[in-house]
Amino acid sequence: MKIISLFVLFILTATTVFAEQRSEIEQCRSDLIGQTMGGRERCWKFQSPSQIKELVIQNKREDVQKRVYSITLILQDPKVPGKYKAEAQVVYEKVDGQMKIKSVGLISIAKIE
């Protein structure tokens, strides 16, 4: 009986953690729309959620005023052929009690198809 209870607790905890991470991913995805990462040579402007084919949070650091995500993205613009893999750092800062994107730093981007 004790093993079953522990198993159920484990499943509930894992489900909650997965749901929270999924929620963070979806929030990050929607926050990126309208943002630009990169510079003159290589850049990406997030114009719609459909451009973000995949978003994976690799790392997260957080304190009271700031949250920093290291992410990996698979990007595709429907108007241009090819997919791109990008690594970026997304910095959020607390503004009026809410976390807002301060910057999106492009680490790397490469065409994969």
Protein backbone atom coordinates (compact mmCIF):
# COMPACT_ATOMS: atom_id res chain seq x y z
CA MET A 1 0.00 0.00 0.00
CA LYS A 2 2.84 2.35 0.87
CA ILE A 3 4.53 1.69 -2.49
CA ILE A 4 1.32 2.48 -4.37
CA SER A 5 0.92 5.75 -2.43
CA LEU A 6 4.50 6.74 -3.20
CA PHE A 7 4.02 5.85 -6.86
CA VAL A 8 0.84 7.96 -7.07
CA LEU A 9 2.62 10.86 -5.35
CA PHE A 10 5.51 10.55 -7.81
CA ILE A 11 3.14 10.57 -10.80
CA LEU A 12 1.26 13.61 -9.48
CA THR A 13 4.49 15.50 -8.84
CA ALA A 14 5.91 14.63 -12.26
CA THR A 15 2.67 15.69 -13.93
CA THR A 16 2.66 19.01 -12.08
CA VAL A 17 6.30 19.73 -12.98
CA PHE A 18 5.65 18.83 -16.63
CA ALA A 19 2.56 21.08 -16.72
CA GLU A 20 4.51 23.99 -15.18
CA GLN A 21 7.36 23.61 -17.68
CA ARG A 22 4.86 23.33 -20.54
CA SER A 23 3.21 26.52 -19.32
CA GLU A 24 6.61 28.29 -19.17
CA ILE A 25 7.38 27.19 -22.72
CA GLU A 26 4.05 28.46 -24.04
CA GLN A 27 4.47 31.76 -22.16
CA CYS A 28 7.99 32.22 -23.52
CA ARG A 29 6.78 31.38 -27.03
CA SER A 30 4.07 34.04 -26.90
CA ASP A 31 6.38 36.62 -25.25
CA LEU A 32 8.90 36.25 -28.10
CA ILE A 33 6.41 37.50 -30.71
CA GLY A 34 7.48 40.99 -31.76
CA GLN A 35 11.02 40.53 -30.41
CA THR A 36 14.21 40.47 -32.48
CA MET A 37 17.39 38.57 -31.69
CA GLY A 38 20.75 38.98 -33.35
CA GLY A 39 22.44 41.80 -35.21
CA ARG A 40 23.30 43.01 -38.68
CA GLU A 41 24.83 39.78 -39.97
CA ARG A 42 22.43 37.22 -38.52
CA CYS A 43 19.10 38.01 -36.91
CA TRP A 44 15.58 36.71 -36.48
CA LYS A 45 12.40 38.72 -35.95
CA PHE A 46 9.66 36.72 -34.27
CA GLN A 47 6.53 37.62 -36.22
CA SER A 48 4.14 34.79 -35.38
CA PRO A 49 3.94 31.72 -33.13
CA SER A 50 3.93 29.49 -36.22
CA GLN A 51 7.58 30.44 -36.90
CA ILE A 52 8.62 28.70 -33.67
CA LYS A 53 8.46 25.01 -34.55
CA GLU A 54 10.14 23.91 -31.31
CA LEU A 55 11.26 25.64 -28.12
CA VAL A 56 13.22 23.82 -25.41
CA ILE A 57 14.31 25.41 -22.14
CA GLN A 58 17.85 24.19 -21.49
CA ASN A 59 18.49 26.15 -18.31
CA LYS A 60 16.74 28.65 -16.05
CA ARG A 61 18.18 31.03 -13.46
CA GLU A 62 15.93 33.19 -11.37
CA ASP A 63 15.98 35.70 -8.55
CA VAL A 64 13.45 38.22 -7.24
CA GLN A 65 13.94 40.76 -10.05
CA LYS A 66 15.23 38.73 -12.97
CA ARG A 67 14.74 35.42 -14.81
CA VAL A 68 17.16 34.13 -17.47
CA TYR A 69 16.36 31.26 -19.81
CA SER A 70 18.85 29.49 -22.07
CA ILE A 71 16.75 28.08 -24.91
CA THR A 72 17.09 26.09 -28.10
CA LEU A 73 14.73 26.84 -30.96
CA ILE A 74 13.78 25.34 -34.30
CA LEU A 75 12.59 28.21 -36.49
CA GLN A 76 10.97 28.35 -39.91
CA ASP A 77 9.55 31.32 -41.76
CA PRO A 78 6.73 30.14 -44.05
CA LYS A 79 7.80 32.73 -46.65
CA VAL A 80 11.40 31.49 -46.85
CA PRO A 81 12.56 27.90 -47.48
CA GLY A 82 14.58 26.11 -44.80
CA LYS A 83 14.60 25.58 -41.06
CA TYR A 84 17.03 27.05 -38.59
CA LYS A 85 18.33 25.89 -35.23
CA ALA A 86 19.08 28.70 -32.81
CA GLU A 87 20.37 29.03 -29.29
CA ALA A 88 19.44 32.13 -27.35
CA GLN A 89 19.33 33.67 -23.92
CA VAL A 90 16.05 35.32 -22.92
CA VAL A 91 16.23 37.80 -20.05
CA TYR A 92 13.07 38.80 -18.18
CA GLU A 93 12.93 41.60 -15.61
CA LYS A 94 10.18 42.45 -13.16
CA VAL A 95 8.23 45.54 -14.28
CA ASP A 96 5.19 46.66 -12.28
CA GLY A 97 5.06 43.28 -10.55
CA GLN A 98 5.16 41.24 -13.77
CA MET A 99 8.04 39.57 -15.61
CA LYS A 100 8.62 41.15 -19.06
CA ILE A 101 11.24 40.36 -21.67
CA LYS A 102 14.17 42.77 -21.44
CA SER A 103 16.32 41.16 -24.14
CA VAL A 104 16.72 38.17 -26.42
CA GLY A 105 20.38 37.43 -27.05
CA LEU A 106 21.25 35.28 -30.04
CA ILE A 107 24.06 32.84 -29.23
CA SER A 108 24.02 30.90 -32.51
CA ILE A 109 21.84 30.25 -35.53
CA ALA A 110 22.39 27.79 -38.36
CA LYS A 111 20.35 26.48 -41.27
CA ILE A 112 19.48 22.80 -40.77
CA GLU A 113 17.36 22.07 -43.87
